[in-house]
N, C-alpha and C. Protein backbone atom coordinates (compact mmCIF):
# COMPACT_ATOMS: atom_id res chain seq x y z
N UNK A 1 80.52 155.74 130.52
CA UNK A 1 81.63 156.08 129.65
C UNK A 1 81.07 156.72 128.39
N UNK A 2 81.55 157.87 128.01
CA UNK A 2 81.05 158.55 126.82
C UNK A 2 81.37 157.76 125.55
N UNK A 3 80.48 157.83 124.60
CA UNK A 3 80.73 157.21 123.31
C UNK A 3 81.82 157.99 122.60
N UNK A 4 82.62 157.31 121.82
CA UNK A 4 83.70 157.96 121.10
C UNK A 4 83.22 158.34 119.70
N UNK A 5 83.63 159.50 119.24
CA UNK A 5 83.34 159.91 117.87
C UNK A 5 84.54 159.60 117.01
N UNK A 6 84.25 159.07 115.83
CA UNK A 6 85.32 158.68 114.92
C UNK A 6 85.06 159.27 113.55
N UNK A 7 86.10 159.78 112.91
CA UNK A 7 85.90 160.20 111.52
C UNK A 7 85.75 158.96 110.64
N UNK A 8 84.99 159.07 109.58
CA UNK A 8 84.87 157.92 108.69
C UNK A 8 84.75 158.41 107.25
N UNK A 9 85.21 157.56 106.35
CA UNK A 9 85.01 157.86 104.94
C UNK A 9 83.67 157.26 104.56
N UNK A 10 82.83 158.05 103.92
CA UNK A 10 81.48 157.61 103.63
C UNK A 10 81.45 156.76 102.38
N UNK A 11 80.73 155.67 102.49
CA UNK A 11 80.53 154.77 101.37
C UNK A 11 79.03 154.59 101.17
N UNK A 12 78.66 154.12 100.03
CA UNK A 12 77.24 153.93 99.75
C UNK A 12 76.85 152.48 100.01
N UNK A 13 75.84 152.32 100.82
CA UNK A 13 75.26 151.02 101.12
C UNK A 13 73.75 151.15 100.97
N UNK A 14 73.06 150.04 100.67
CA UNK A 14 71.61 150.13 100.59
C UNK A 14 71.03 150.54 101.95
N UNK A 15 70.09 151.46 101.93
CA UNK A 15 69.52 151.99 103.17
C UNK A 15 68.01 152.05 103.04
N UNK A 16 67.31 151.57 104.06
CA UNK A 16 65.87 151.76 104.16
C UNK A 16 65.65 152.92 105.12
N UNK A 17 64.92 153.93 104.67
CA UNK A 17 64.64 155.10 105.51
C UNK A 17 63.23 154.96 106.04
N UNK A 18 63.08 155.12 107.34
CA UNK A 18 61.77 154.98 107.97
C UNK A 18 61.34 156.32 108.54
N UNK A 19 60.08 156.68 108.30
CA UNK A 19 59.52 157.93 108.79
C UNK A 19 58.30 157.61 109.65
N UNK A 20 58.00 158.49 110.58
CA UNK A 20 56.75 158.38 111.32
C UNK A 20 55.65 159.08 110.54
N UNK A 21 54.41 158.67 110.81
CA UNK A 21 53.28 159.30 110.11
C UNK A 21 53.01 160.70 110.64
N UNK A 22 53.37 160.92 111.89
CA UNK A 22 53.14 162.23 112.51
C UNK A 22 54.38 162.58 113.34
N UNK A 23 54.59 163.85 113.63
CA UNK A 23 55.73 164.24 114.46
C UNK A 23 55.68 163.56 115.84
N UNK A 24 56.84 163.24 116.36
CA UNK A 24 56.95 162.59 117.67
C UNK A 24 57.29 163.64 118.72
N UNK A 25 56.60 163.58 119.85
CA UNK A 25 56.91 164.53 120.93
C UNK A 25 58.24 164.17 121.60
N UNK A 26 58.59 162.89 121.63
CA UNK A 26 59.86 162.44 122.20
C UNK A 26 60.56 161.61 121.13
N UNK A 27 61.24 162.28 120.21
CA UNK A 27 61.82 161.58 119.07
C UNK A 27 62.94 160.63 119.47
N UNK A 28 63.63 160.91 120.56
CA UNK A 28 64.70 160.01 120.99
C UNK A 28 64.11 158.68 121.43
N UNK A 29 63.07 158.73 122.24
CA UNK A 29 62.42 157.49 122.67
C UNK A 29 61.82 156.76 121.47
N UNK A 30 61.22 157.49 120.54
CA UNK A 30 60.65 156.87 119.35
C UNK A 30 61.74 156.18 118.52
N UNK A 31 62.90 156.79 118.42
CA UNK A 31 64.02 156.18 117.69
C UNK A 31 64.48 154.90 118.37
N UNK A 32 64.53 154.90 119.69
CA UNK A 32 64.95 153.71 120.44
C UNK A 32 63.91 152.60 120.28
N UNK A 33 62.64 152.92 120.42
CA UNK A 33 61.57 151.93 120.26
C UNK A 33 61.61 151.34 118.85
N UNK A 34 61.78 152.19 117.85
CA UNK A 34 61.86 151.72 116.47
C UNK A 34 63.07 150.81 116.26
N UNK A 35 64.19 151.16 116.85
CA UNK A 35 65.39 150.33 116.76
C UNK A 35 65.13 148.94 117.31
N UNK A 36 64.46 148.87 118.46
CA UNK A 36 64.16 147.58 119.07
C UNK A 36 63.19 146.79 118.18
N UNK A 37 62.21 147.46 117.60
CA UNK A 37 61.26 146.79 116.71
C UNK A 37 61.96 146.25 115.46
N UNK A 38 62.85 147.05 114.88
CA UNK A 38 63.61 146.60 113.71
C UNK A 38 64.46 145.39 114.08
N UNK A 39 65.12 145.45 115.22
CA UNK A 39 65.96 144.34 115.68
C UNK A 39 65.15 143.06 115.83
N UNK A 40 63.92 143.19 116.35
CA UNK A 40 63.09 142.02 116.63
C UNK A 40 62.42 141.45 115.39
N UNK A 41 62.22 142.26 114.35
CA UNK A 41 61.41 141.81 113.22
C UNK A 41 62.16 141.68 111.90
N UNK A 42 63.38 142.14 111.83
CA UNK A 42 64.12 142.13 110.57
C UNK A 42 65.32 141.19 110.65
N UNK A 43 65.84 140.78 109.50
CA UNK A 43 67.05 139.96 109.52
C UNK A 43 68.22 140.73 110.14
N UNK A 44 69.26 140.02 110.56
CA UNK A 44 70.41 140.70 111.17
C UNK A 44 70.96 141.79 110.25
N UNK A 45 71.39 142.86 110.87
CA UNK A 45 71.95 143.99 110.14
C UNK A 45 72.21 145.14 111.09
N UNK A 46 72.50 146.28 110.55
CA UNK A 46 72.82 147.45 111.35
C UNK A 46 71.68 148.45 111.31
N UNK A 47 71.56 149.20 112.38
CA UNK A 47 70.60 150.30 112.46
C UNK A 47 71.40 151.57 112.70
N UNK A 48 71.16 152.57 111.90
CA UNK A 48 71.85 153.84 112.02
C UNK A 48 70.84 154.89 112.43
N UNK A 49 71.10 155.55 113.55
CA UNK A 49 70.22 156.60 114.04
C UNK A 49 71.01 157.90 114.03
N UNK A 50 70.47 158.92 113.39
CA UNK A 50 71.12 160.22 113.39
C UNK A 50 70.63 161.02 114.58
N UNK A 51 71.54 161.44 115.43
CA UNK A 51 71.22 162.23 116.61
C UNK A 51 72.01 163.53 116.56
N UNK A 52 71.59 164.50 117.36
CA UNK A 52 72.17 165.83 117.24
C UNK A 52 73.40 166.08 118.09
N UNK A 53 73.73 165.18 118.99
CA UNK A 53 74.91 165.45 119.81
C UNK A 53 75.24 164.33 120.78
N UNK A 54 76.33 164.52 121.49
CA UNK A 54 76.85 163.53 122.42
C UNK A 54 75.83 163.17 123.50
N UNK A 55 75.12 164.15 124.03
CA UNK A 55 74.15 163.87 125.10
C UNK A 55 73.05 162.94 124.60
N UNK A 56 72.59 163.15 123.39
CA UNK A 56 71.56 162.27 122.84
C UNK A 56 72.11 160.87 122.58
N UNK A 57 73.33 160.77 122.12
CA UNK A 57 73.94 159.46 121.90
C UNK A 57 73.99 158.69 123.22
N UNK A 58 74.43 159.36 124.27
CA UNK A 58 74.54 158.71 125.57
C UNK A 58 73.16 158.35 126.13
N UNK A 59 72.16 159.21 125.91
CA UNK A 59 70.80 158.92 126.38
C UNK A 59 70.22 157.72 125.62
N UNK A 60 70.44 157.66 124.31
CA UNK A 60 69.96 156.53 123.52
C UNK A 60 70.65 155.24 123.97
N UNK A 61 71.93 155.33 124.23
CA UNK A 61 72.68 154.17 124.72
C UNK A 61 72.08 153.65 126.02
N UNK A 62 71.78 154.54 126.93
CA UNK A 62 71.20 154.14 128.21
C UNK A 62 69.81 153.53 128.03
N UNK A 63 68.97 154.14 127.19
CA UNK A 63 67.64 153.60 126.94
C UNK A 63 67.71 152.20 126.32
N UNK A 64 68.63 152.00 125.40
CA UNK A 64 68.77 150.68 124.78
C UNK A 64 69.29 149.65 125.78
N UNK A 65 70.20 150.05 126.64
CA UNK A 65 70.68 149.13 127.68
C UNK A 65 69.55 148.74 128.62
N UNK A 66 68.69 149.69 128.97
CA UNK A 66 67.56 149.41 129.84
C UNK A 66 66.54 148.51 129.16
N UNK A 67 66.47 148.54 127.84
CA UNK A 67 65.49 147.75 127.10
C UNK A 67 65.86 146.27 127.02
N UNK A 68 67.09 145.93 127.31
CA UNK A 68 67.49 144.53 127.27
C UNK A 68 66.75 143.73 128.32
N UNK A 69 66.38 142.52 127.95
CA UNK A 69 65.76 141.64 128.94
C UNK A 69 66.82 141.23 129.96
N UNK A 70 66.51 141.34 131.24
CA UNK A 70 67.51 140.98 132.26
C UNK A 70 67.99 139.55 132.15
N UNK A 71 67.13 138.64 131.68
CA UNK A 71 67.52 137.23 131.58
C UNK A 71 68.30 136.92 130.32
N UNK A 72 68.25 137.85 129.34
CA UNK A 72 68.96 137.64 128.07
C UNK A 72 69.73 138.89 127.69
N UNK A 73 70.79 139.22 128.41
CA UNK A 73 71.50 140.48 128.12
C UNK A 73 72.12 140.54 126.73
N UNK A 74 72.36 139.38 126.11
CA UNK A 74 72.97 139.41 124.77
C UNK A 74 71.92 139.36 123.66
N UNK A 75 70.63 139.23 124.01
CA UNK A 75 69.59 139.16 122.99
C UNK A 75 69.53 140.45 122.17
N UNK A 76 69.79 141.56 122.79
CA UNK A 76 69.83 142.85 122.10
C UNK A 76 71.27 143.34 122.18
N UNK A 77 72.06 142.96 121.18
CA UNK A 77 73.47 143.35 121.16
C UNK A 77 73.58 144.68 120.45
N UNK A 78 74.17 145.64 121.11
CA UNK A 78 74.31 146.96 120.52
C UNK A 78 75.72 147.48 120.68
N UNK A 79 76.13 148.24 119.69
CA UNK A 79 77.40 148.97 119.74
C UNK A 79 77.08 150.42 119.46
N UNK A 80 77.77 151.31 120.14
CA UNK A 80 77.52 152.73 119.98
C UNK A 80 78.77 153.38 119.43
N UNK A 81 78.63 153.94 118.25
CA UNK A 81 79.74 154.61 117.59
C UNK A 81 79.27 155.98 117.14
N UNK A 82 79.92 157.00 117.59
CA UNK A 82 79.62 158.33 117.09
C UNK A 82 80.51 158.62 115.90
N UNK A 83 79.96 159.16 114.84
CA UNK A 83 80.72 159.47 113.65
C UNK A 83 80.69 160.96 113.37
N UNK A 84 81.80 161.47 112.91
CA UNK A 84 81.88 162.86 112.53
C UNK A 84 82.53 162.96 111.16
N UNK A 85 82.32 164.05 110.50
CA UNK A 85 82.98 164.29 109.21
C UNK A 85 82.12 163.88 108.04
N UNK A 86 82.54 164.27 106.87
CA UNK A 86 81.85 163.91 105.64
C UNK A 86 82.77 163.28 104.67
């Protein structure tokens, strides 16, 4: 099922921006791996990944679903929301 895009009014929240030391050959996979690492090592919160389009959103969703441990499907709880607008 495709992720839905929703318009939103932008608000300011504290944000930690993370960069890689070198360019990534597969930035989508790197973003997914980083998301899982943040989830495992940081207090509860949200992770926002900027992607270039619907296909990437759906690919990231699939990669994150595959990353869940089969014995603990709720250990990595994720929601996918596409946002548009400024």
